[in-house]
C-alpha atoms as a PDB file:
ATOM      1  CA  UNK A   1       0.182  -0.412  -0.301  1.00  0.00           C
ATOM      2  CA  UNK A   2       1.330   3.062  -0.780  1.00  0.00           C
ATOM      3  CA  UNK A   3       0.453   6.582   0.447  1.00  0.00           C
ATOM      4  CA  UNK A   4       0.761  10.275  -1.274  1.00  0.00           C
ATOM      5  CA  UNK A   5       0.329  13.237   1.104  1.00  0.00           C
ATOM      6  CA  UNK A   6      -0.796  16.949  -0.457  1.00  0.00           C
ATOM      7  CA  UNK A   7       2.778  18.439   1.132  1.00  0.00           C
ATOM      8  CA  UNK A   8       4.614  16.562  -1.663  1.00  0.00           C
ATOM      9  CA  UNK A   9       6.018  13.121   0.535  1.00  0.00           C
ATOM     10  CA  UNK A  10       4.508   9.623  -0.675  1.00  0.00           C
ATOM     11  CA  UNK A  11       6.087   6.146  -0.420  1.00  0.00           C
ATOM     12  CA  UNK A  12       5.086   3.013   0.490  1.00  0.00           C
ATOM     13  CA  UNK A  13       3.467   2.009   4.442  1.00  0.00           C
ATOM     14  CA  UNK A  14       2.938  -2.139   4.185  1.00  0.00           C
ATOM     15  CA  UNK A  15       2.668  -4.768   1.910  1.00  0.00           C
ATOM     16  CA  UNK A  16      -1.332  -5.697   1.681  1.00  0.00           C
ATOM     17  CA  UNK A  17      -4.175  -3.475   2.344  1.00  0.00           C
ATOM     18  CA  UNK A  18      -4.734  -5.955   6.091  1.00  0.00           C
ATOM     19  CA  UNK A  19      -0.619  -4.361   7.056  1.00  0.00           C
ATOM     20  CA  UNK A  20      -1.975  -1.029   5.987  1.00  0.00           C
ATOM     21  CA  UNK A  21      -5.069  -0.657   8.048  1.00  0.00           C
ATOM     22  CA  UNK A  22      -3.530  -2.118  10.738  1.00  0.00           C
ATOM     23  CA  UNK A  23      -0.765   0.406  11.034  1.00  0.00           C
ATOM     24  CA  UNK A  24      -3.567   2.852  10.272  1.00  0.00           C
ATOM     25  CA  UNK A  25      -5.316   2.462  13.273  1.00  0.00           C
ATOM     26  CA  UNK A  26      -3.011   1.489  15.536  1.00  0.00           C
ATOM     27  CA  UNK A  27      -0.745   4.148  14.735  1.00  0.00           C
ATOM     28  CA  UNK A  28       0.087   7.725  14.626  1.00  0.00           C
ATOM     29  CA  UNK A  29       1.624   6.262  11.283  1.00  0.00           C
ATOM     30  CA  UNK A  30       2.251   9.899   9.495  1.00  0.00           C
ATOM     31  CA  UNK A  31       4.060  12.187  12.524  1.00  0.00           C
ATOM     32  CA  UNK A  32       5.894   8.665  12.836  1.00  0.00           C
ATOM     33  CA  UNK A  33       7.549   9.094   9.474  1.00  0.00           C
ATOM     34  CA  UNK A  34       7.262  13.191   9.606  1.00  0.00           C
ATOM     35  CA  UNK A  35       9.487  12.700  13.405  1.00  0.00           C
ATOM     36  CA  UNK A  36      11.767  10.110  11.822  1.00  0.00           C
ATOM     37  CA  UNK A  37      15.480  11.228  11.462  1.00  0.00           C
ATOM     38  CA  UNK A  38      15.712  10.080   8.286  1.00  0.00           C
ATOM     39  CA  UNK A  39      13.877   6.793   9.049  1.00  0.00           C
ATOM     40  CA  UNK A  40      16.033   6.000  12.100  1.00  0.00           C
ATOM     41  CA  UNK A  41      14.410   3.172  13.829  1.00  0.00           C
ATOM     42  CA  UNK A  42      14.956   4.173  17.133  1.00  0.00           C
ATOM     43  CA  UNK A  43      14.035   8.279  16.538  1.00  0.00           C
ATOM     44  CA  UNK A  44      10.850   6.250  15.370  1.00  0.00           C
ATOM     45  CA  UNK A  45       9.953   4.424  18.057  1.00  0.00           C
ATOM     46  CA  UNK A  46      10.628   7.570  20.480  1.00  0.00           C
ATOM     47  CA  UNK A  47       8.427   9.305  18.529  1.00  0.00           C
ATOM     48  CA  UNK A  48       5.200   6.858  18.584  1.00  0.00           C
ATOM     49  CA  UNK A  49       6.143   7.069  22.174  1.00  0.00           C
ATOM     50  CA  UNK A  50       5.737  10.954  22.649  1.00  0.00           C
ATOM     51  CA  UNK A  51       2.365  11.182  20.117  1.00  0.00           C
ATOM     52  CA  UNK A  52       1.114   8.300  22.354  1.00  0.00           C
ATOM     53  CA  UNK A  53       1.085   9.540  25.150  1.00  0.00           C
ATOM     54  CA  UNK A  54      -0.033  13.724  23.650  1.00  0.00           C
ATOM     55  CA  UNK A  55      -2.738  11.418  22.104  1.00  0.00           C
ATOM     56  CA  UNK A  56      -3.461  10.096  25.495  1.00  0.00           C
ATOM     57  CA  UNK A  57      -4.153  13.110  26.784  1.00  0.00           C
ATOM     58  CA  UNK A  58      -6.449  14.428  24.497  1.00  0.00           C
ATOM     59  CA  UNK A  59      -8.325  11.647  24.492  1.00  0.00           C
ATOM     60  CA  UNK A  60      -8.326   9.274  27.301  1.00  0.00           C
ATOM     61  CA  UNK A  61     -10.349   6.775  25.317  1.00  0.00           C
ATOM     62  CA  UNK A  62      -8.402   6.560  22.349  1.00  0.00           C
ATOM     63  CA  UNK A  63      -7.065   2.846  22.987  1.00  0.00           C
ATOM     64  CA  UNK A  64     -10.463   1.933  23.625  1.00  0.00           C
ATOM     65  CA  UNK A  65     -10.875   3.353  20.367  1.00  0.00           C
ATOM     66  CA  UNK A  66      -8.399   1.568  18.649  1.00  0.00           C
ATOM     67  CA  UNK A  67      -9.573  -1.828  19.908  1.00  0.00           C
ATOM     68  CA  UNK A  68     -13.085  -1.304  18.584  1.00  0.00           C
ATOM     69  CA  UNK A  69     -12.171  -0.489  14.944  1.00  0.00           C
ATOM     70  CA  UNK A  70      -9.488  -3.256  14.658  1.00  0.00           C
ATOM     71  CA  UNK A  71     -12.404  -5.918  16.180  1.00  0.00           C
ATOM     72  CA  UNK A  72     -14.482  -4.802  13.891  1.00  0.00           C
ATOM     73  CA  UNK A  73     -12.452  -5.006  11.099  1.00  0.00           C
ATOM     74  CA  UNK A  74     -10.964  -8.925  12.409  1.00  0.00           C
ATOM     75  CA  UNK A  75      -7.799  -7.017  12.689  1.00  0.00           C
ATOM     76  CA  UNK A  76      -4.581  -7.557  15.056  1.00  0.00           C
ATOM     77  CA  UNK A  77      -4.412  -5.598  17.528  1.00  0.00           C
ATOM     78  CA  UNK A  78      -0.803  -4.831  17.469  1.00  0.00           C
ATOM     79  CA  UNK A  79       2.068  -2.826  20.205  1.00  0.00           C
ATOM     80  CA  UNK A  80       2.812   0.068  18.972  1.00  0.00           C
ATOM     81  CA  UNK A  81       6.557  -1.451  19.029  1.00  0.00           C
ATOM     82  CA  UNK A  82       5.597  -3.530  15.998  1.00  0.00           C
ATOM     83  CA  UNK A  83       3.729  -1.462  13.647  1.00  0.00           C
ATOM     84  CA  UNK A  84       6.753   0.947  13.660  1.00  0.00           C
ATOM     85  CA  UNK A  85       8.813  -1.860  12.481  1.00  0.00           C
ATOM     86  CA  UNK A  86       6.756  -2.832  10.141  1.00  0.00           C
ATOM     87  CA  UNK A  87       6.126   1.217   8.917  1.00  0.00           C
ATOM     88  CA  UNK A  88       9.819   2.008   8.861  1.00  0.00           C
ATOM     89  CA  UNK A  89      10.485  -1.878   7.123  1.00  0.00           C
ATOM     90  CA  UNK A  90       8.116  -1.033   4.585  1.00  0.00           C
ATOM     91  CA  UNK A  91       8.846   3.002   3.646  1.00  0.00           C
ATOM     92  CA  UNK A  92      12.155   1.830   3.821  1.00  0.00           C
ATOM     93  CA  UNK A  93      11.488  -0.131   0.520  1.00  0.00           C
ATOM     94  CA  UNK A  94       9.820   2.834  -1.146  1.00  0.00           C
ATOM     95  CA  UNK A  95      12.650   3.459  -3.371  1.00  0.00           C
ATOM     96  CA  UNK A  96      13.252   2.493  -6.267  1.00  0.00           C
ATOM     97  CA  UNK A  97       9.943   0.672  -6.962  1.00  0.00           C
ATOM     98  CA  UNK A  98       7.485   2.342  -4.662  1.00  0.00           C
ATOM     99  CA  UNK A  99       8.375   6.392  -5.275  1.00  0.00           C
ATOM    100  CA  UNK A 100       5.627   8.025  -6.300  1.00  0.00           C
ATOM    101  CA  UNK A 101       5.241  10.745  -8.851  1.00  0.00           C
ATOM    102  CA  UNK A 102       2.499  12.937 -10.234  1.00  0.00           C
ATOM    103  CA  UNK A 103       0.908  13.289 -13.347  1.00  0.00           C
ATOM    104  CA  UNK A 104       3.322  15.432 -14.822  1.00  0.00           C
ATOM    105  CA  UNK A 105       6.325  13.166 -13.556  1.00  0.00           C
ATOM    106  CA  UNK A 106       7.409  14.949 -10.696  1.00  0.00           C
ATOM    107  CA  UNK A 107       8.832  12.662  -7.821  1.00  0.00           C
ATOM    108  CA  UNK A 108       7.843  13.029  -4.786  1.00  0.00           C
ATOM    109  CA  UNK A 109       9.776  12.981  -1.645  1.00  0.00           C
ATOM    110  CA  UNK A 110      10.402   9.777   0.346  1.00  0.00           C
ATOM    111  CA  UNK A 111       8.384   8.896   3.536  1.00  0.00           C
ATOM    112  CA  UNK A 112      10.814  10.077   5.954  1.00  0.00           C
ATOM    113  CA  UNK A 113      10.940  13.140   7.219  1.00  0.00           C
ATOM    114  CA  UNK A 114      14.765  14.483   9.276  1.00  0.00           C
ATOM    115  CA  UNK A 115      13.534  15.868  12.192  1.00  0.00           C
ATOM    116  CA  UNK A 116      13.624  13.533  15.626  1.00  0.00           C
ATOM    117  CA  UNK A 117      10.648  16.003  16.892  1.00  0.00           C
ATOM    118  CA  UNK A 118       8.781  18.750  16.334  1.00  0.00           C
ATOM    119  CA  UNK A 119      10.575  21.769  15.497  1.00  0.00           C
ATOM    120  CA  UNK A 120       9.182  24.821  17.626  1.00  0.00           C
ATOM    121  CA  UNK A 121       9.157  23.482  21.454  1.00  0.00           C
ATOM    122  CA  UNK A 122       9.849  19.694  20.846  1.00  0.00           C
ATOM    123  CA  UNK A 123       7.251  17.478  22.606  1.00  0.00           C
ATOM    124  CA  UNK A 124       4.978  17.977  25.288  1.00  0.00           C
END
């Protein structure tokens, strides 16, 4: 499964729809890629933990909501750590086969962002 953002980044996030849905439901995957330190697994794991804490503060019920959606779709409920590993593995295989291009032939940026945390204020 390939994604393409309106900001001009794109790439592989999973090998099939089931894996993609598990990542989309169980992980703040776009920000995990955005704050990946260029695809560094340790940075992605740290970012995922910060994102989970921020989400828990904003919505204390989010874990139950994720679980209900996953069960309703007959998907596995995997630990965030495992989802990050799967996401990174897929995104790392973006080039050269899954590079996203526009209709005009412009090449999208690869999915990994260069930052390890938000630039203004870091993680809350």
